[in-house]
N, C-alpha and C. Protein backbone atom coordinates (compact mmCIF):
# COMPACT_ATOMS: atom_id res chain seq x y z
N MET A 1 93.52 144.52 77.38
CA MET A 1 92.59 143.41 77.56
C MET A 1 93.30 142.27 78.27
N ASP A 2 92.66 141.74 79.30
CA ASP A 2 93.23 140.64 80.06
C ASP A 2 93.09 139.32 79.31
N ILE A 3 94.11 138.48 79.46
CA ILE A 3 94.04 137.16 78.84
C ILE A 3 93.04 136.29 79.59
N PHE A 4 93.08 136.37 80.92
CA PHE A 4 92.18 135.59 81.76
C PHE A 4 91.41 136.51 82.69
N ASN A 5 90.19 136.12 82.99
CA ASN A 5 89.45 136.79 84.05
C ASN A 5 89.92 136.20 85.38
N ILE A 6 89.65 136.90 86.47
CA ILE A 6 90.10 136.43 87.78
C ILE A 6 89.46 135.08 88.12
N TRP A 7 88.18 134.89 87.78
CA TRP A 7 87.54 133.63 88.13
C TRP A 7 88.20 132.47 87.38
N GLN A 8 88.71 132.73 86.18
CA GLN A 8 89.40 131.68 85.42
C GLN A 8 90.73 131.33 86.07
N LEU A 9 91.42 132.33 86.63
CA LEU A 9 92.67 132.05 87.34
C LEU A 9 92.42 131.19 88.58
N TRP A 10 91.32 131.47 89.29
CA TRP A 10 90.97 130.62 90.44
C TRP A 10 90.70 129.18 89.98
N CYS A 11 90.02 129.02 88.87
CA CYS A 11 89.74 127.67 88.34
C CYS A 11 91.03 126.96 87.94
N ILE A 12 91.94 127.68 87.32
CA ILE A 12 93.23 127.09 86.95
C ILE A 12 93.98 126.65 88.20
N ALA A 13 93.98 127.50 89.23
CA ALA A 13 94.63 127.13 90.49
C ALA A 13 93.98 125.89 91.08
N GLY A 14 92.66 125.80 91.00
CA GLY A 14 91.94 124.62 91.50
C GLY A 14 92.34 123.36 90.76
N VAL A 15 92.45 123.45 89.45
CA VAL A 15 92.86 122.28 88.65
C VAL A 15 94.30 121.89 88.99
N VAL A 16 95.17 122.87 89.18
CA VAL A 16 96.55 122.58 89.57
C VAL A 16 96.58 121.85 90.91
N PHE A 17 95.78 122.30 91.87
CA PHE A 17 95.72 121.61 93.17
C PHE A 17 95.19 120.18 93.01
N PHE A 18 94.21 119.98 92.13
CA PHE A 18 93.71 118.62 91.88
C PHE A 18 94.82 117.74 91.31
N ILE A 19 95.59 118.27 90.39
CA ILE A 19 96.69 117.50 89.80
C ILE A 19 97.74 117.16 90.85
N ILE A 20 98.08 118.12 91.69
CA ILE A 20 99.04 117.85 92.77
C ILE A 20 98.49 116.76 93.69
N GLU A 21 97.20 116.81 93.99
CA GLU A 21 96.59 115.81 94.87
C GLU A 21 96.68 114.41 94.29
N MET A 22 96.61 114.30 92.99
CA MET A 22 96.71 112.98 92.36
C MET A 22 98.07 112.34 92.59
N PHE A 23 99.10 113.14 92.82
CA PHE A 23 100.44 112.62 93.02
C PHE A 23 100.84 112.56 94.49
N THR A 24 99.99 113.06 95.38
CA THR A 24 100.27 112.99 96.81
C THR A 24 99.07 112.36 97.51
N PRO A 25 99.27 111.43 98.41
CA PRO A 25 98.15 110.73 99.03
C PRO A 25 97.66 111.36 100.34
N VAL A 26 97.75 112.67 100.48
CA VAL A 26 97.46 113.28 101.78
C VAL A 26 96.08 113.93 101.89
N LEU A 27 95.35 114.07 100.80
CA LEU A 27 94.04 114.73 100.78
C LEU A 27 94.08 116.14 101.36
N PHE A 28 95.17 116.85 101.11
CA PHE A 28 95.30 118.24 101.54
C PHE A 28 94.98 119.17 100.37
N PHE A 29 95.57 118.90 99.24
CA PHE A 29 95.42 119.78 98.09
C PHE A 29 94.01 119.71 97.50
N PHE A 30 93.31 118.60 97.71
CA PHE A 30 91.93 118.47 97.26
C PHE A 30 91.06 119.55 97.92
N ASN A 31 91.28 119.76 99.21
CA ASN A 31 90.52 120.78 99.93
C ASN A 31 90.84 122.18 99.41
N LEU A 32 92.10 122.43 99.10
CA LEU A 32 92.47 123.73 98.54
C LEU A 32 91.84 123.93 97.16
N ALA A 33 91.77 122.85 96.39
CA ALA A 33 91.14 122.94 95.07
C ALA A 33 89.67 123.33 95.19
N LEU A 34 88.98 122.70 96.13
CA LEU A 34 87.57 123.05 96.33
C LEU A 34 87.42 124.50 96.76
N ALA A 35 88.31 124.97 97.63
CA ALA A 35 88.27 126.36 98.07
C ALA A 35 88.53 127.30 96.89
N CYS A 36 89.40 126.90 95.97
CA CYS A 36 89.65 127.71 94.77
C CYS A 36 88.38 127.85 93.95
N PHE A 37 87.62 126.79 93.83
CA PHE A 37 86.40 126.86 93.03
C PHE A 37 85.34 127.73 93.71
N VAL A 38 85.30 127.71 95.04
CA VAL A 38 84.39 128.61 95.75
C VAL A 38 84.82 130.06 95.52
N ALA A 39 86.12 130.30 95.57
CA ALA A 39 86.63 131.65 95.30
C ALA A 39 86.35 132.06 93.86
N ALA A 40 86.40 131.11 92.94
CA ALA A 40 86.09 131.42 91.53
C ALA A 40 84.64 131.87 91.38
N VAL A 41 83.75 131.22 92.12
CA VAL A 41 82.34 131.64 92.08
C VAL A 41 82.20 133.05 92.64
N SER A 42 82.93 133.34 93.72
CA SER A 42 82.86 134.70 94.29
C SER A 42 83.42 135.72 93.30
N ALA A 43 84.47 135.35 92.58
CA ALA A 43 85.03 136.25 91.58
C ALA A 43 84.05 136.47 90.43
N ALA A 44 83.37 135.41 90.02
CA ALA A 44 82.39 135.53 88.94
C ALA A 44 81.21 136.40 89.36
N CYS A 45 80.95 136.45 90.67
CA CYS A 45 79.86 137.30 91.17
C CYS A 45 80.30 138.76 91.31
N GLY A 46 81.58 139.03 91.06
CA GLY A 46 82.06 140.41 91.06
C GLY A 46 82.62 140.91 92.37
N LEU A 47 82.90 140.02 93.31
CA LEU A 47 83.48 140.46 94.59
C LEU A 47 84.92 140.91 94.39
N GLU A 48 85.38 141.76 95.26
CA GLU A 48 86.74 142.31 95.19
C GLU A 48 87.78 141.20 95.44
N PRO A 49 88.98 141.35 94.87
CA PRO A 49 90.03 140.34 95.06
C PRO A 49 90.38 140.06 96.53
N VAL A 50 90.35 141.09 97.38
CA VAL A 50 90.64 140.87 98.80
C VAL A 50 89.59 139.96 99.42
N VAL A 51 88.33 140.17 99.07
CA VAL A 51 87.24 139.33 99.58
C VAL A 51 87.39 137.90 99.04
N GLN A 52 87.80 137.77 97.80
CA GLN A 52 88.01 136.45 97.22
C GLN A 52 89.09 135.68 97.98
N ILE A 53 90.16 136.36 98.34
CA ILE A 53 91.26 135.72 99.08
C ILE A 53 90.77 135.31 100.47
N ILE A 54 89.99 136.15 101.10
CA ILE A 54 89.43 135.81 102.42
C ILE A 54 88.51 134.60 102.30
N ILE A 55 87.68 134.59 101.27
CA ILE A 55 86.79 133.44 101.04
C ILE A 55 87.60 132.18 100.80
N PHE A 56 88.67 132.28 100.01
CA PHE A 56 89.54 131.13 99.77
C PHE A 56 90.13 130.62 101.09
N ALA A 57 90.63 131.53 101.91
CA ALA A 57 91.25 131.14 103.19
C ALA A 57 90.24 130.50 104.13
N VAL A 58 89.07 131.11 104.24
CA VAL A 58 88.04 130.58 105.15
C VAL A 58 87.58 129.20 104.70
N PHE A 59 87.29 129.05 103.42
CA PHE A 59 86.82 127.75 102.93
C PHE A 59 87.93 126.70 102.96
N SER A 60 89.17 127.10 102.80
CA SER A 60 90.29 126.16 102.94
C SER A 60 90.30 125.57 104.34
N VAL A 61 90.18 126.44 105.33
CA VAL A 61 90.18 125.98 106.73
C VAL A 61 88.95 125.11 107.01
N ILE A 62 87.79 125.55 106.54
CA ILE A 62 86.56 124.77 106.75
C ILE A 62 86.69 123.39 106.13
N PHE A 63 87.15 123.31 104.89
CA PHE A 63 87.28 122.02 104.22
C PHE A 63 88.33 121.14 104.90
N LEU A 64 89.43 121.76 105.36
CA LEU A 64 90.47 120.97 106.03
C LEU A 64 89.98 120.41 107.37
N ILE A 65 89.21 121.20 108.10
CA ILE A 65 88.73 120.76 109.41
C ILE A 65 87.55 119.81 109.29
N TRP A 66 86.63 120.10 108.39
CA TRP A 66 85.39 119.32 108.32
C TRP A 66 85.44 118.21 107.28
N LEU A 67 85.86 118.52 106.08
CA LEU A 67 85.77 117.57 104.97
C LEU A 67 86.92 116.56 104.94
N ARG A 68 88.13 116.99 105.25
CA ARG A 68 89.30 116.10 105.15
C ARG A 68 89.14 114.85 106.02
N PRO A 69 88.72 114.94 107.30
CA PRO A 69 88.57 113.71 108.09
C PRO A 69 87.56 112.74 107.48
N VAL A 70 86.49 113.28 106.90
CA VAL A 70 85.49 112.41 106.26
C VAL A 70 86.10 111.71 105.04
N LEU A 71 86.86 112.45 104.24
CA LEU A 71 87.47 111.87 103.05
C LEU A 71 88.55 110.84 103.40
N VAL A 72 89.33 111.11 104.45
CA VAL A 72 90.36 110.17 104.87
C VAL A 72 89.71 108.87 105.32
N LYS A 73 88.65 108.96 106.09
CA LYS A 73 87.94 107.77 106.56
C LYS A 73 87.37 106.99 105.38
N TYR A 74 86.76 107.68 104.43
CA TYR A 74 86.18 107.03 103.26
C TYR A 74 87.25 106.41 102.38
N LYS A 75 88.38 107.08 102.25
CA LYS A 75 89.46 106.59 101.39
C LYS A 75 90.04 105.28 101.91
N LYS A 76 90.18 105.13 103.21
CA LYS A 76 90.78 103.94 103.79
C LYS A 76 89.84 102.75 103.81
N LYS A 77 88.56 102.98 103.85
CA LYS A 77 87.59 101.90 104.03
C LYS A 77 87.57 100.87 102.90
N PRO A 78 87.46 101.24 101.63
CA PRO A 78 87.36 100.24 100.59
C PRO A 78 88.58 99.33 100.46
N ALA A 79 89.77 99.84 100.71
CA ALA A 79 90.97 99.02 100.57
C ALA A 79 90.91 97.82 101.51
N ASN A 80 90.44 98.00 102.73
CA ASN A 80 90.36 96.90 103.68
C ASN A 80 89.25 95.93 103.32
N GLU A 81 88.11 96.45 102.87
CA GLU A 81 86.98 95.59 102.57
C GLU A 81 87.26 94.64 101.41
N THR A 82 88.03 95.07 100.43
CA THR A 82 88.23 94.23 99.26
C THR A 82 89.02 92.98 99.58
N VAL A 83 89.96 93.03 100.49
CA VAL A 83 90.78 91.87 100.80
C VAL A 83 90.20 91.09 101.98
N ASP A 84 89.47 91.73 102.86
CA ASP A 84 88.92 91.05 104.03
C ASP A 84 87.88 89.99 103.66
N VAL A 85 87.35 90.02 102.46
CA VAL A 85 86.38 89.00 102.07
C VAL A 85 87.02 87.61 102.02
N TYR A 86 88.33 87.53 101.98
CA TYR A 86 89.02 86.25 101.89
C TYR A 86 89.16 85.58 103.25
N ALA A 87 89.11 86.33 104.34
CA ALA A 87 89.29 85.75 105.67
C ALA A 87 88.22 84.70 105.93
N GLY A 88 88.66 83.52 106.37
CA GLY A 88 87.75 82.42 106.66
C GLY A 88 87.48 81.51 105.49
N LYS A 89 87.91 81.86 104.30
CA LYS A 89 87.68 81.04 103.10
C LYS A 89 88.71 79.92 103.00
N ILE A 90 88.33 78.88 102.31
CA ILE A 90 89.22 77.74 102.08
C ILE A 90 89.91 77.93 100.73
N ALA A 91 91.21 77.72 100.71
CA ALA A 91 92.00 77.88 99.49
C ALA A 91 92.79 76.61 99.22
N LYS A 92 93.22 76.46 97.98
CA LYS A 92 94.03 75.31 97.58
C LYS A 92 95.47 75.77 97.41
N VAL A 93 96.40 74.98 97.96
CA VAL A 93 97.81 75.30 97.85
C VAL A 93 98.29 74.91 96.46
N ILE A 94 98.94 75.86 95.75
CA ILE A 94 99.48 75.54 94.42
C ILE A 94 101.00 75.55 94.41
N LYS A 95 101.60 76.10 95.46
CA LYS A 95 103.05 76.03 95.66
C LYS A 95 103.25 75.92 97.16
N THR A 96 104.04 75.00 97.60
CA THR A 96 104.21 74.71 99.02
C THR A 96 104.27 75.98 99.86
N VAL A 97 103.43 76.01 100.91
CA VAL A 97 103.35 77.18 101.79
C VAL A 97 104.04 76.85 103.11
N THR A 98 104.99 77.71 103.48
CA THR A 98 105.70 77.60 104.76
C THR A 98 105.67 78.97 105.44
N LYS A 99 106.43 79.09 106.52
CA LYS A 99 106.53 80.40 107.18
C LYS A 99 107.21 81.43 106.28
N ASP A 100 107.96 80.93 105.29
CA ASP A 100 108.70 81.83 104.39
C ASP A 100 107.93 82.20 103.13
N GLY A 101 106.82 81.52 102.88
CA GLY A 101 106.03 81.88 101.70
C GLY A 101 105.51 80.69 100.94
N GLY A 102 104.78 80.98 99.90
CA GLY A 102 104.16 79.98 99.04
C GLY A 102 103.05 80.64 98.26
N ARG A 103 102.24 79.83 97.56
CA ARG A 103 101.15 80.38 96.75
C ARG A 103 99.89 79.56 96.99
N ILE A 104 98.75 80.26 97.03
CA ILE A 104 97.45 79.61 97.16
C ILE A 104 96.54 80.07 96.04
N PHE A 105 95.44 79.34 95.86
CA PHE A 105 94.46 79.64 94.82
C PHE A 105 93.09 79.70 95.46
N VAL A 106 92.42 80.86 95.33
CA VAL A 106 91.09 81.04 95.91
C VAL A 106 90.31 82.01 95.02
N PHE A 107 89.02 81.75 94.82
CA PHE A 107 88.17 82.59 93.96
C PHE A 107 88.79 82.81 92.58
N ASP A 108 89.36 81.77 92.01
CA ASP A 108 89.99 81.84 90.68
C ASP A 108 91.13 82.85 90.63
N GLU A 109 91.78 83.07 91.77
CA GLU A 109 92.91 84.01 91.83
C GLU A 109 94.06 83.35 92.58
N GLU A 110 95.26 83.71 92.18
CA GLU A 110 96.47 83.21 92.84
C GLU A 110 97.01 84.29 93.76
N TRP A 111 97.37 83.88 95.01
CA TRP A 111 97.84 84.82 96.00
C TRP A 111 99.09 84.30 96.70
N PRO A 112 99.97 85.20 97.14
CA PRO A 112 101.09 84.78 97.99
C PRO A 112 100.54 84.48 99.39
N ALA A 113 101.15 83.48 100.05
CA ALA A 113 100.66 83.09 101.37
C ALA A 113 101.81 82.66 102.26
N VAL A 114 101.61 82.79 103.56
CA VAL A 114 102.53 82.27 104.58
C VAL A 114 101.71 81.58 105.66
N CYS A 115 102.36 80.68 106.39
CA CYS A 115 101.69 79.97 107.48
C CYS A 115 101.61 80.84 108.72
N VAL A 116 100.48 80.74 109.42
CA VAL A 116 100.34 81.44 110.68
C VAL A 116 101.26 80.81 111.73
N ASN A 117 101.24 79.48 111.79
CA ASN A 117 102.10 78.74 112.72
C ASN A 117 103.44 78.49 112.06
N GLN A 118 104.50 78.83 112.73
CA GLN A 118 105.85 78.76 112.16
C GLN A 118 106.24 77.35 111.71
N ASP A 119 105.72 76.31 112.37
CA ASP A 119 106.14 74.94 112.06
C ASP A 119 105.30 74.28 110.97
N ASP A 120 104.20 74.88 110.56
CA ASP A 120 103.33 74.27 109.55
C ASP A 120 103.96 74.30 108.17
N VAL A 121 103.66 73.25 107.40
CA VAL A 121 104.05 73.19 105.99
C VAL A 121 102.86 72.59 105.25
N PHE A 122 102.41 73.27 104.22
CA PHE A 122 101.30 72.78 103.40
C PHE A 122 101.80 72.57 101.98
N ASN A 123 101.59 71.37 101.48
CA ASN A 123 102.08 70.99 100.16
C ASN A 123 101.04 71.25 99.08
N GLU A 124 101.49 71.19 97.83
CA GLU A 124 100.59 71.39 96.70
C GLU A 124 99.40 70.46 96.80
N GLY A 125 98.21 71.01 96.56
CA GLY A 125 96.98 70.23 96.60
C GLY A 125 96.29 70.26 97.95
N ASP A 126 96.99 70.65 99.01
CA ASP A 126 96.36 70.74 100.34
C ASP A 126 95.35 71.89 100.36
N SER A 127 94.35 71.76 101.23
CA SER A 127 93.40 72.83 101.46
C SER A 127 93.77 73.55 102.75
N VAL A 128 93.73 74.86 102.71
CA VAL A 128 94.07 75.67 103.87
C VAL A 128 92.98 76.70 104.10
N LYS A 129 92.92 77.20 105.32
CA LYS A 129 91.95 78.23 105.68
C LYS A 129 92.70 79.56 105.79
N ILE A 130 92.16 80.59 105.15
CA ILE A 130 92.76 81.92 105.22
C ILE A 130 92.32 82.56 106.53
N VAL A 131 93.31 82.91 107.36
CA VAL A 131 93.03 83.49 108.67
C VAL A 131 92.90 85.00 108.57
N LYS A 132 93.83 85.63 107.87
CA LYS A 132 93.79 87.08 107.71
C LYS A 132 94.59 87.46 106.47
N THR A 133 94.42 88.71 106.07
CA THR A 133 95.19 89.24 104.95
C THR A 133 95.88 90.51 105.42
N GLU A 134 97.06 90.71 104.93
CA GLU A 134 97.82 91.91 105.30
C GLU A 134 98.76 92.25 104.16
N ASN A 135 98.61 93.44 103.62
CA ASN A 135 99.46 93.89 102.51
C ASN A 135 99.46 92.89 101.36
N MET A 136 98.29 92.42 101.01
CA MET A 136 98.10 91.50 99.88
C MET A 136 98.77 90.14 100.11
N LEU A 137 99.03 89.80 101.34
CA LEU A 137 99.63 88.51 101.71
C LEU A 137 98.61 87.77 102.56
N MET A 138 98.33 86.51 102.19
CA MET A 138 97.36 85.71 102.93
C MET A 138 98.08 84.90 104.00
N TYR A 139 97.53 84.94 105.21
CA TYR A 139 98.04 84.12 106.31
C TYR A 139 97.10 82.93 106.44
N VAL A 140 97.67 81.73 106.38
CA VAL A 140 96.84 80.52 106.34
C VAL A 140 97.20 79.56 107.48
N GLU A 141 96.22 78.69 107.76
CA GLU A 141 96.42 77.61 108.72
C GLU A 141 95.72 76.38 108.15
N GLY A 142 95.88 75.26 108.83
CA GLY A 142 95.23 74.03 108.37
C GLY A 142 93.73 74.20 108.26
N LYS A 143 93.14 73.50 107.33
CA LYS A 143 91.71 73.62 107.06
C LYS A 143 90.87 73.32 108.31
N ASN A 144 91.29 72.38 109.11
CA ASN A 144 90.53 71.97 110.28
C ASN A 144 90.98 72.67 111.56
N ALA A 145 91.92 73.56 111.47
CA ALA A 145 92.43 74.25 112.66
C ALA A 145 91.44 75.31 113.13
N GLY A 146 91.52 75.62 114.41
CA GLY A 146 90.76 76.71 115.01
C GLY A 146 89.32 76.61 114.81
């Protein structure tokens, strides 16, 4: 008597690929996991192991070519949108901001900031305009600039 049916082994392989995907940011193993689950369905339907492997290979390629670009595009989009809402907003300086750094306060949150113009210095209490954000760092200029 077998401990596992073949379809269960495909499911286990799919879960293993999902776990690997959680530790790697490449969205490669996710596609293999989905292909494993398609192969598990084929195994549950009683298809031969050779056919299951072919189905796994075909769906792996299909998911990598068709689904991966869609997932990569979707994955990158929210990260940019969450910080871009700050561009153009007015913030209050809570620690002097220079070209080397400082801290600002906007939307009840504290953020690291640097000046866009190398010669600018903004002291505590000054209001500044957020020009752009990059890697969780706010680039600021004078409130009345630009």
